[in-house]
ModelCIF file with pLDDT and N, C-alpha, C, O atoms, coordinates in Angstrom:
data_MODEL
#
_entry.id   MODEL 
#
_entity.id                         1 
_entity.type                       polymer 
_entity.pdbx_number_of_molecules   1 
#
_entity_poly.entity_id                      1 
_entity_poly.type                           'polypeptide(L)' 
_entity_poly.nstd_linkage                   no 
_entity_poly.nstd_monomer                   no 
_entity_poly.pdbx_seq_one_letter_code       LVAAAKARGHHVDLINTMDCSLHVEGSTLSIEHGGARLPRYD 
_entity_poly.pdbx_seq_one_letter_code_can   LVAAAKARGHHVDLINTMDCSLHVEGSTLSIEHGGARLPRYD 
_entity_poly.pdbx_strand_id                 A 
#
loop_
_entity_poly_seq.entity_id 
_entity_poly_seq.num 
_entity_poly_seq.mon_id 
_entity_poly_seq.hetero 
1 1  LEU n 
1 2  VAL n 
1 3  ALA n 
1 4  ALA n 
1 5  ALA n 
1 6  LYS n 
1 7  ALA n 
1 8  ARG n 
1 9  GLY n 
1 10 HIS n 
1 11 HIS n 
1 12 VAL n 
1 13 ASP n 
1 14 LEU n 
1 15 ILE n 
1 16 ASN n 
1 17 THR n 
1 18 MET n 
1 19 ASP n 
1 20 CYS n 
1 21 SER n 
1 22 LEU n 
1 23 HIS n 
1 24 VAL n 
1 25 GLU n 
1 26 GLY n 
1 27 SER n 
1 28 THR n 
1 29 LEU n 
1 30 SER n 
1 31 ILE n 
1 32 GLU n 
1 33 HIS n 
1 34 GLY n 
1 35 GLY n 
1 36 ALA n 
1 37 ARG n 
1 38 LEU n 
1 39 PRO n 
1 40 ARG n 
1 41 TYR n 
1 42 ASP n 
#
_struct_asym.id          A 
_struct_asym.entity_id   1 
#
loop_
_ma_qa_metric.id 
_ma_qa_metric.mode 
_ma_qa_metric.name 
_ma_qa_metric.software_group_id 
_ma_qa_metric.type 
1 global pLDDT . pLDDT 
2 local  pLDDT . pLDDT 
#
_ma_qa_metric_global.metric_id      1 
_ma_qa_metric_global.metric_value   95.98 
_ma_qa_metric_global.model_id       1 
_ma_qa_metric_global.ordinal_id     1 
#
loop_
_ma_qa_metric_local.label_asym_id 
_ma_qa_metric_local.label_comp_id 
_ma_qa_metric_local.label_seq_id 
_ma_qa_metric_local.metric_id 
_ma_qa_metric_local.metric_value 
_ma_qa_metric_local.model_id 
_ma_qa_metric_local.ordinal_id 
A LEU 1  2 98.00 1 1  
A VAL 2  2 98.00 1 2  
A ALA 3  2 98.00 1 3  
A ALA 4  2 98.00 1 4  
A ALA 5  2 98.00 1 5  
A LYS 6  2 97.00 1 6  
A ALA 7  2 97.00 1 7  
A ARG 8  2 97.00 1 8  
A GLY 9  2 96.00 1 9  
A HIS 10 2 97.00 1 10 
A HIS 11 2 97.00 1 11 
A VAL 12 2 98.00 1 12 
A ASP 13 2 98.00 1 13 
A LEU 14 2 98.00 1 14 
A ILE 15 2 97.00 1 15 
A ASN 16 2 97.00 1 16 
A THR 17 2 96.00 1 17 
A MET 18 2 95.00 1 18 
A ASP 19 2 96.00 1 19 
A CYS 20 2 97.00 1 20 
A SER 21 2 97.00 1 21 
A LEU 22 2 97.00 1 22 
A HIS 23 2 96.00 1 23 
A VAL 24 2 96.00 1 24 
A GLU 25 2 93.00 1 25 
A GLY 26 2 93.00 1 26 
A SER 27 2 92.00 1 27 
A THR 28 2 95.00 1 28 
A LEU 29 2 96.00 1 29 
A SER 30 2 96.00 1 30 
A ILE 31 2 97.00 1 31 
A GLU 32 2 97.00 1 32 
A HIS 33 2 96.00 1 33 
A GLY 34 2 88.00 1 34 
A GLY 35 2 89.00 1 35 
A ALA 36 2 95.00 1 36 
A ARG 37 2 96.00 1 37 
A LEU 38 2 96.00 1 38 
A PRO 39 2 95.00 1 39 
A ARG 40 2 94.00 1 40 
A TYR 41 2 97.00 1 41 
A ASP 42 2 97.00 1 42 
#
loop_
_atom_site.group_PDB 
_atom_site.id 
_atom_site.type_symbol 
_atom_site.label_atom_id 
_atom_site.label_alt_id 
_atom_site.label_comp_id 
_atom_site.label_asym_id 
_atom_site.label_entity_id 
_atom_site.label_seq_id 
_atom_site.pdbx_PDB_ins_code 
_atom_site.Cartn_x 
_atom_site.Cartn_y 
_atom_site.Cartn_z 
_atom_site.occupancy 
_atom_site.B_iso_or_equiv 
_atom_site.pdbx_formal_charge 
_atom_site.auth_seq_id 
_atom_site.auth_comp_id 
_atom_site.auth_asym_id 
_atom_site.auth_atom_id 
_atom_site.pdbx_PDB_model_num 
ATOM 1   N N  . LEU A 1 1  ? 0.823   -1.203 0.000  1.00 98.00 ? 1  LEU A N  1 
ATOM 2   C CA . LEU A 1 1  ? 0.000   0.000  0.000  1.00 98.00 ? 1  LEU A CA 1 
ATOM 3   C C  . LEU A 1 1  ? 0.861   1.259  0.000  1.00 98.00 ? 1  LEU A C  1 
ATOM 4   O O  . LEU A 1 1  ? 0.545   2.234  -0.681 1.00 98.00 ? 1  LEU A O  1 
ATOM 5   N N  . VAL A 1 2  ? 1.945   1.234  0.762  1.00 98.00 ? 2  VAL A N  1 
ATOM 6   C CA . VAL A 1 2  ? 2.852   2.377  0.791  1.00 98.00 ? 2  VAL A CA 1 
ATOM 7   C C  . VAL A 1 2  ? 3.459   2.597  -0.594 1.00 98.00 ? 2  VAL A C  1 
ATOM 8   O O  . VAL A 1 2  ? 3.505   3.725  -1.086 1.00 98.00 ? 2  VAL A O  1 
ATOM 9   N N  . ALA A 1 3  ? 3.923   1.520  -1.217 1.00 98.00 ? 3  ALA A N  1 
ATOM 10  C CA . ALA A 1 3  ? 4.541   1.637  -2.538 1.00 98.00 ? 3  ALA A CA 1 
ATOM 11  C C  . ALA A 1 3  ? 3.547   2.157  -3.572 1.00 98.00 ? 3  ALA A C  1 
ATOM 12  O O  . ALA A 1 3  ? 3.889   2.997  -4.405 1.00 98.00 ? 3  ALA A O  1 
ATOM 13  N N  . ALA A 1 4  ? 2.311   1.652  -3.513 1.00 98.00 ? 4  ALA A N  1 
ATOM 14  C CA . ALA A 1 4  ? 1.301   2.083  -4.488 1.00 98.00 ? 4  ALA A CA 1 
ATOM 15  C C  . ALA A 1 4  ? 0.945   3.548  -4.297 1.00 98.00 ? 4  ALA A C  1 
ATOM 16  O O  . ALA A 1 4  ? 0.765   4.281  -5.270 1.00 98.00 ? 4  ALA A O  1 
ATOM 17  N N  . ALA A 1 5  ? 0.843   3.978  -3.031 1.00 98.00 ? 5  ALA A N  1 
ATOM 18  C CA . ALA A 1 5  ? 0.505   5.379  -2.765 1.00 98.00 ? 5  ALA A CA 1 
ATOM 19  C C  . ALA A 1 5  ? 1.622   6.303  -3.235 1.00 98.00 ? 5  ALA A C  1 
ATOM 20  O O  . ALA A 1 5  ? 1.360   7.343  -3.840 1.00 98.00 ? 5  ALA A O  1 
ATOM 21  N N  . LYS A 1 6  ? 2.852   5.928  -2.961 1.00 97.00 ? 6  LYS A N  1 
ATOM 22  C CA . LYS A 1 6  ? 3.982   6.762  -3.384 1.00 97.00 ? 6  LYS A CA 1 
ATOM 23  C C  . LYS A 1 6  ? 4.092   6.797  -4.904 1.00 97.00 ? 6  LYS A C  1 
ATOM 24  O O  . LYS A 1 6  ? 4.466   7.818  -5.481 1.00 97.00 ? 6  LYS A O  1 
ATOM 25  N N  . ALA A 1 7  ? 3.766   5.680  -5.549 1.00 97.00 ? 7  ALA A N  1 
ATOM 26  C CA . ALA A 1 7  ? 3.828   5.640  -7.009 1.00 97.00 ? 7  ALA A CA 1 
ATOM 27  C C  . ALA A 1 7  ? 2.829   6.602  -7.643 1.00 97.00 ? 7  ALA A C  1 
ATOM 28  O O  . ALA A 1 7  ? 3.009   7.054  -8.773 1.00 97.00 ? 7  ALA A O  1 
ATOM 29  N N  . ARG A 1 8  ? 1.771   6.904  -6.889 1.00 97.00 ? 8  ARG A N  1 
ATOM 30  C CA . ARG A 1 8  ? 0.766   7.845  -7.392 1.00 97.00 ? 8  ARG A CA 1 
ATOM 31  C C  . ARG A 1 8  ? 0.975   9.250  -6.826 1.00 97.00 ? 8  ARG A C  1 
ATOM 32  O O  . ARG A 1 8  ? 0.098   10.109 -6.920 1.00 97.00 ? 8  ARG A O  1 
ATOM 33  N N  . GLY A 1 9  ? 2.153   9.465  -6.238 1.00 96.00 ? 9  GLY A N  1 
ATOM 34  C CA . GLY A 1 9  ? 2.535   10.808 -5.836 1.00 96.00 ? 9  GLY A CA 1 
ATOM 35  C C  . GLY A 1 9  ? 2.086   11.249 -4.466 1.00 96.00 ? 9  GLY A C  1 
ATOM 36  O O  . GLY A 1 9  ? 2.171   12.436 -4.149 1.00 96.00 ? 9  GLY A O  1 
ATOM 37  N N  . HIS A 1 10 ? 1.610   10.332 -3.641 1.00 97.00 ? 10 HIS A N  1 
ATOM 38  C CA . HIS A 1 10 ? 1.089   10.698 -2.327 1.00 97.00 ? 10 HIS A CA 1 
ATOM 39  C C  . HIS A 1 10 ? 2.146   10.562 -1.231 1.00 97.00 ? 10 HIS A C  1 
ATOM 40  O O  . HIS A 1 10 ? 3.103   9.798  -1.363 1.00 97.00 ? 10 HIS A O  1 
ATOM 41  N N  . HIS A 1 11 ? 1.957   11.309 -0.161 1.00 97.00 ? 11 HIS A N  1 
ATOM 42  C CA . HIS A 1 11 ? 2.770   11.170 1.050  1.00 97.00 ? 11 HIS A CA 1 
ATOM 43  C C  . HIS A 1 11 ? 2.080   10.167 1.973  1.00 97.00 ? 11 HIS A C  1 
ATOM 44  O O  . HIS A 1 11 ? 0.864   10.228 2.156  1.00 97.00 ? 11 HIS A O  1 
ATOM 45  N N  . VAL A 1 12 ? 2.845   9.247  2.553  1.00 98.00 ? 12 VAL A N  1 
ATOM 46  C CA . VAL A 1 12 ? 2.262   8.214  3.422  1.00 98.00 ? 12 VAL A CA 1 
ATOM 47  C C  . VAL A 1 12 ? 3.027   8.141  4.739  1.00 98.00 ? 12 VAL A C  1 
ATOM 48  O O  . VAL A 1 12 ? 4.253   8.038  4.750  1.00 98.00 ? 12 VAL A O  1 
ATOM 49  N N  . ASP A 1 13 ? 2.293   8.195  5.846  1.00 98.00 ? 13 ASP A N  1 
ATOM 50  C CA . ASP A 1 13 ? 2.856   7.935  7.164  1.00 98.00 ? 13 ASP A CA 1 
ATOM 51  C C  . ASP A 1 13 ? 2.305   6.618  7.690  1.00 98.00 ? 13 ASP A C  1 
ATOM 52  O O  . ASP A 1 13 ? 1.155   6.262  7.431  1.00 98.00 ? 13 ASP A O  1 
ATOM 53  N N  . LEU A 1 14 ? 3.138   5.903  8.431  1.00 98.00 ? 14 LEU A N  1 
ATOM 54  C CA . LEU A 1 14 ? 2.693   4.699  9.128  1.00 98.00 ? 14 LEU A CA 1 
ATOM 55  C C  . LEU A 1 14 ? 2.472   5.056  10.587 1.00 98.00 ? 14 LEU A C  1 
ATOM 56  O O  . LEU A 1 14 ? 3.392   5.503  11.270 1.00 98.00 ? 14 LEU A O  1 
ATOM 57  N N  . ILE A 1 15 ? 1.258   4.858  11.059 1.00 97.00 ? 15 ILE A N  1 
ATOM 58  C CA . ILE A 1 15 ? 0.893   5.217  12.423 1.00 97.00 ? 15 ILE A CA 1 
ATOM 59  C C  . ILE A 1 15 ? 0.698   3.943  13.241 1.00 97.00 ? 15 ILE A C  1 
ATOM 60  O O  . ILE A 1 15 ? -0.196  3.146  12.958 1.00 97.00 ? 15 ILE A O  1 
ATOM 61  N N  . ASN A 1 16 ? 1.532   3.759  14.246 1.00 97.00 ? 16 ASN A N  1 
ATOM 62  C CA . ASN A 1 16 ? 1.392   2.599  15.122 1.00 97.00 ? 16 ASN A CA 1 
ATOM 63  C C  . ASN A 1 16 ? 0.168   2.806  16.016 1.00 97.00 ? 16 ASN A C  1 
ATOM 64  O O  . ASN A 1 16 ? 0.137   3.709  16.852 1.00 97.00 ? 16 ASN A O  1 
ATOM 65  N N  . THR A 1 17 ? -0.829  1.958  15.824 1.00 96.00 ? 17 THR A N  1 
ATOM 66  C CA . THR A 1 17 ? -2.096  2.101  16.563 1.00 96.00 ? 17 THR A CA 1 
ATOM 67  C C  . THR A 1 17 ? -1.879  2.073  18.061 1.00 96.00 ? 17 THR A C  1 
ATOM 68  O O  . THR A 1 17 ? -2.568  2.777  18.798 1.00 96.00 ? 17 THR A O  1 
ATOM 69  N N  . MET A 1 18 ? -0.939  1.275  18.519 1.00 95.00 ? 18 MET A N  1 
ATOM 70  C CA . MET A 1 18 ? -0.675  1.160  19.960 1.00 95.00 ? 18 MET A CA 1 
ATOM 71  C C  . MET A 1 18 ? -0.142  2.461  20.545 1.00 95.00 ? 18 MET A C  1 
ATOM 72  O O  . MET A 1 18 ? -0.311  2.730  21.734 1.00 95.00 ? 18 MET A O  1 
ATOM 73  N N  . ASP A 1 19 ? 0.501   3.265  19.709 1.00 96.00 ? 19 ASP A N  1 
ATOM 74  C CA . ASP A 1 19 ? 1.111   4.505  20.206 1.00 96.00 ? 19 ASP A CA 1 
ATOM 75  C C  . ASP A 1 19 ? 0.161   5.700  20.133 1.00 96.00 ? 19 ASP A C  1 
ATOM 76  O O  . ASP A 1 19 ? 0.560   6.827  20.427 1.00 96.00 ? 19 ASP A O  1 
ATOM 77  N N  . CYS A 1 20 ? -1.086  5.461  19.747 1.00 97.00 ? 20 CYS A N  1 
ATOM 78  C CA . CYS A 1 20 ? -2.070  6.550  19.662 1.00 97.00 ? 20 CYS A CA 1 
ATOM 79  C C  . CYS A 1 20 ? -2.781  6.700  20.997 1.00 97.00 ? 20 CYS A C  1 
ATOM 80  O O  . CYS A 1 20 ? -3.302  5.728  21.544 1.00 97.00 ? 20 CYS A O  1 
ATOM 81  N N  . SER A 1 21 ? -2.802  7.917  21.519 1.00 97.00 ? 21 SER A N  1 
ATOM 82  C CA . SER A 1 21 ? -3.584  8.219  22.715 1.00 97.00 ? 21 SER A CA 1 
ATOM 83  C C  . SER A 1 21 ? -4.705  9.171  22.331 1.00 97.00 ? 21 SER A C  1 
ATOM 84  O O  . SER A 1 21 ? -4.508  10.079 21.524 1.00 97.00 ? 21 SER A O  1 
ATOM 85  N N  . LEU A 1 22 ? -5.877  8.963  22.908 1.00 97.00 ? 22 LEU A N  1 
ATOM 86  C CA . LEU A 1 22 ? -7.069  9.738  22.568 1.00 97.00 ? 22 LEU A CA 1 
ATOM 87  C C  . LEU A 1 22 ? -7.369  10.718 23.692 1.00 97.00 ? 22 LEU A C  1 
ATOM 88  O O  . LEU A 1 22 ? -7.317  10.359 24.868 1.00 97.00 ? 22 LEU A O  1 
ATOM 89  N N  . HIS A 1 23 ? -7.681  11.952 23.326 1.00 96.00 ? 23 HIS A N  1 
ATOM 90  C CA . HIS A 1 23 ? -7.908  12.988 24.326 1.00 96.00 ? 23 HIS A CA 1 
ATOM 91  C C  . HIS A 1 23 ? -9.240  13.686 24.075 1.00 96.00 ? 23 HIS A C  1 
ATOM 92  O O  . HIS A 1 23 ? -9.591  14.020 22.943 1.00 96.00 ? 23 HIS A O  1 
ATOM 93  N N  . VAL A 1 24 ? -9.963  13.893 25.166 1.00 96.00 ? 24 VAL A N  1 
ATOM 94  C CA . VAL A 1 24 ? -11.237 14.610 25.128 1.00 96.00 ? 24 VAL A CA 1 
ATOM 95  C C  . VAL A 1 24 ? -11.154 15.740 26.143 1.00 96.00 ? 24 VAL A C  1 
ATOM 96  O O  . VAL A 1 24 ? -10.960 15.507 27.336 1.00 96.00 ? 24 VAL A O  1 
ATOM 97  N N  . GLU A 1 25 ? -11.302 16.959 25.658 1.00 93.00 ? 25 GLU A N  1 
ATOM 98  C CA . GLU A 1 25 ? -11.255 18.128 26.545 1.00 93.00 ? 25 GLU A CA 1 
ATOM 99  C C  . GLU A 1 25 ? -12.428 19.047 26.192 1.00 93.00 ? 25 GLU A C  1 
ATOM 100 O O  . GLU A 1 25 ? -12.409 19.769 25.195 1.00 93.00 ? 25 GLU A O  1 
ATOM 101 N N  . GLY A 1 26 ? -13.437 18.988 27.044 1.00 93.00 ? 26 GLY A N  1 
ATOM 102 C CA . GLY A 1 26 ? -14.647 19.748 26.744 1.00 93.00 ? 26 GLY A CA 1 
ATOM 103 C C  . GLY A 1 26 ? -15.280 19.223 25.466 1.00 93.00 ? 26 GLY A C  1 
ATOM 104 O O  . GLY A 1 26 ? -15.652 18.052 25.384 1.00 93.00 ? 26 GLY A O  1 
ATOM 105 N N  . SER A 1 27 ? -15.400 20.090 24.471 1.00 92.00 ? 27 SER A N  1 
ATOM 106 C CA . SER A 1 27 ? -15.981 19.684 23.195 1.00 92.00 ? 27 SER A CA 1 
ATOM 107 C C  . SER A 1 27 ? -14.909 19.405 22.137 1.00 92.00 ? 27 SER A C  1 
ATOM 108 O O  . SER A 1 27 ? -15.212 19.311 20.947 1.00 92.00 ? 27 SER A O  1 
ATOM 109 N N  . THR A 1 28 ? -13.658 19.274 22.579 1.00 95.00 ? 28 THR A N  1 
ATOM 110 C CA . THR A 1 28 ? -12.552 19.094 21.643 1.00 95.00 ? 28 THR A CA 1 
ATOM 111 C C  . THR A 1 28 ? -11.990 17.671 21.735 1.00 95.00 ? 28 THR A C  1 
ATOM 112 O O  . THR A 1 28 ? -11.703 17.169 22.822 1.00 95.00 ? 28 THR A O  1 
ATOM 113 N N  . LEU A 1 29 ? -11.843 17.045 20.583 1.00 96.00 ? 29 LEU A N  1 
ATOM 114 C CA . LEU A 1 29 ? -11.229 15.731 20.491 1.00 96.00 ? 29 LEU A CA 1 
ATOM 115 C C  . LEU A 1 29 ? -9.876  15.870 19.810 1.00 96.00 ? 29 LEU A C  1 
ATOM 116 O O  . LEU A 1 29 ? -9.728  16.644 18.864 1.00 96.00 ? 29 LEU A O  1 
ATOM 117 N N  . SER A 1 30 ? -8.897  15.127 20.288 1.00 96.00 ? 30 SER A N  1 
ATOM 118 C CA . SER A 1 30 ? -7.583  15.131 19.641 1.00 96.00 ? 30 SER A CA 1 
ATOM 119 C C  . SER A 1 30 ? -6.941  13.766 19.802 1.00 96.00 ? 30 SER A C  1 
ATOM 120 O O  . SER A 1 30 ? -7.354  12.953 20.630 1.00 96.00 ? 30 SER A O  1 
ATOM 121 N N  . ILE A 1 31 ? -5.923  13.537 18.988 1.00 97.00 ? 31 ILE A N  1 
ATOM 122 C CA . ILE A 1 31 ? -5.168  12.279 19.023 1.00 97.00 ? 31 ILE A CA 1 
ATOM 123 C C  . ILE A 1 31 ? -3.688  12.619 19.048 1.00 97.00 ? 31 ILE A C  1 
ATOM 124 O O  . ILE A 1 31 ? -3.217  13.466 18.289 1.00 97.00 ? 31 ILE A O  1 
ATOM 125 N N  . GLU A 1 32 ? -2.966  11.949 19.930 1.00 97.00 ? 32 GLU A N  1 
ATOM 126 C CA . GLU A 1 32 ? -1.516  12.089 19.952 1.00 97.00 ? 32 GLU A CA 1 
ATOM 127 C C  . GLU A 1 32 ? -0.877  10.767 19.552 1.00 97.00 ? 32 GLU A C  1 
ATOM 128 O O  . GLU A 1 32 ? -1.385  9.689  19.862 1.00 97.00 ? 32 GLU A O  1 
ATOM 129 N N  . HIS A 1 33 ? 0.243   10.877 18.862 1.00 96.00 ? 33 HIS A N  1 
ATOM 130 C CA . HIS A 1 33 ? 0.993   9.692  18.433 1.00 96.00 ? 33 HIS A CA 1 
ATOM 131 C C  . HIS A 1 33 ? 2.451   9.913  18.783 1.00 96.00 ? 33 HIS A C  1 
ATOM 132 O O  . HIS A 1 33 ? 3.089   10.836 18.278 1.00 96.00 ? 33 HIS A O  1 
ATOM 133 N N  . GLY A 1 34 ? 2.969   9.067  19.643 1.00 88.00 ? 34 GLY A N  1 
ATOM 134 C CA . GLY A 1 34 ? 4.357   9.230  20.065 1.00 88.00 ? 34 GLY A CA 1 
ATOM 135 C C  . GLY A 1 34 ? 4.599   10.530 20.801 1.00 88.00 ? 34 GLY A C  1 
ATOM 136 O O  . GLY A 1 34 ? 5.697   11.083 20.735 1.00 88.00 ? 34 GLY A O  1 
ATOM 137 N N  . GLY A 1 35 ? 3.581   11.033 21.510 1.00 89.00 ? 35 GLY A N  1 
ATOM 138 C CA . GLY A 1 35 ? 3.736   12.241 22.305 1.00 89.00 ? 35 GLY A CA 1 
ATOM 139 C C  . GLY A 1 35 ? 3.482   13.536 21.566 1.00 89.00 ? 35 GLY A C  1 
ATOM 140 O O  . GLY A 1 35 ? 3.591   14.610 22.158 1.00 89.00 ? 35 GLY A O  1 
ATOM 141 N N  . ALA A 1 36 ? 3.145   13.465 20.277 1.00 95.00 ? 36 ALA A N  1 
ATOM 142 C CA . ALA A 1 36 ? 2.879   14.680 19.499 1.00 95.00 ? 36 ALA A CA 1 
ATOM 143 C C  . ALA A 1 36 ? 1.481   14.607 18.887 1.00 95.00 ? 36 ALA A C  1 
ATOM 144 O O  . ALA A 1 36 ? 0.959   13.522 18.628 1.00 95.00 ? 36 ALA A O  1 
ATOM 145 N N  . ARG A 1 37 ? 0.886   15.776 18.662 1.00 96.00 ? 37 ARG A N  1 
ATOM 146 C CA . ARG A 1 37 ? -0.435  15.833 18.054 1.00 96.00 ? 37 ARG A CA 1 
ATOM 147 C C  . ARG A 1 37 ? -0.400  15.205 16.659 1.00 96.00 ? 37 ARG A C  1 
ATOM 148 O O  . ARG A 1 37 ? 0.475   15.514 15.851 1.00 96.00 ? 37 ARG A O  1 
ATOM 149 N N  . LEU A 1 38 ? -1.355  14.327 16.392 1.00 96.00 ? 38 LEU A N  1 
ATOM 150 C CA . LEU A 1 38 ? -1.417  13.675 15.086 1.00 96.00 ? 38 LEU A CA 1 
ATOM 151 C C  . LEU A 1 38 ? -1.741  14.711 14.015 1.00 96.00 ? 38 LEU A C  1 
ATOM 152 O O  . LEU A 1 38 ? -2.696  15.471 14.174 1.00 96.00 ? 38 LEU A O  1 
ATOM 153 N N  . PRO A 1 39 ? -0.967  14.763 12.921 1.00 95.00 ? 39 PRO A N  1 
ATOM 154 C CA . PRO A 1 39 ? -1.257  15.735 11.857 1.00 95.00 ? 39 PRO A CA 1 
ATOM 155 C C  . PRO A 1 39 ? -2.619  15.475 11.233 1.00 95.00 ? 39 PRO A C  1 
ATOM 156 O O  . PRO A 1 39 ? -3.206  14.407 11.405 1.00 95.00 ? 39 PRO A O  1 
ATOM 157 N N  . ARG A 1 40 ? -3.106  16.462 10.513 1.00 94.00 ? 40 ARG A N  1 
ATOM 158 C CA . ARG A 1 40 ? -4.353  16.310 9.780  1.00 94.00 ? 40 ARG A CA 1 
ATOM 159 C C  . ARG A 1 40 ? -4.062  15.602 8.447  1.00 94.00 ? 40 ARG A C  1 
ATOM 160 O O  . ARG A 1 40 ? -3.257  16.084 7.649  1.00 94.00 ? 40 ARG A O  1 
ATOM 161 N N  . TYR A 1 41 ? -4.711  14.473 8.214  1.00 97.00 ? 41 TYR A N  1 
ATOM 162 C CA . TYR A 1 41 ? -4.507  13.709 6.983  1.00 97.00 ? 41 TYR A CA 1 
ATOM 163 C C  . TYR A 1 41 ? -5.726  13.849 6.077  1.00 97.00 ? 41 TYR A C  1 
ATOM 164 O O  . TYR A 1 41 ? -6.838  14.122 6.529  1.00 97.00 ? 41 TYR A O  1 
ATOM 165 N N  . ASP A 1 42 ? -5.478  13.652 4.783  1.00 97.00 ? 42 ASP A N  1 
ATOM 166 C CA . ASP A 1 42 ? -6.583  13.672 3.825  1.00 97.00 ? 42 ASP A CA 1 
ATOM 167 C C  . ASP A 1 42 ? -7.408  12.392 3.913  1.00 97.00 ? 42 ASP A C  1 
ATOM 168 O O  . ASP A 1 42 ? -8.382  12.234 3.178  1.00 97.00 ? 42 ASP A O  1 
#
């Protein structure tokens, strides 16, 4: 999948599901991966 996406010109990150932490603060939801805010993906 990574090779096919790159062949079509896309950027691909691999996100380890175990390293994702979920945060709820008031009406705001966020996800951290490896201690940093997960970027916005298409």
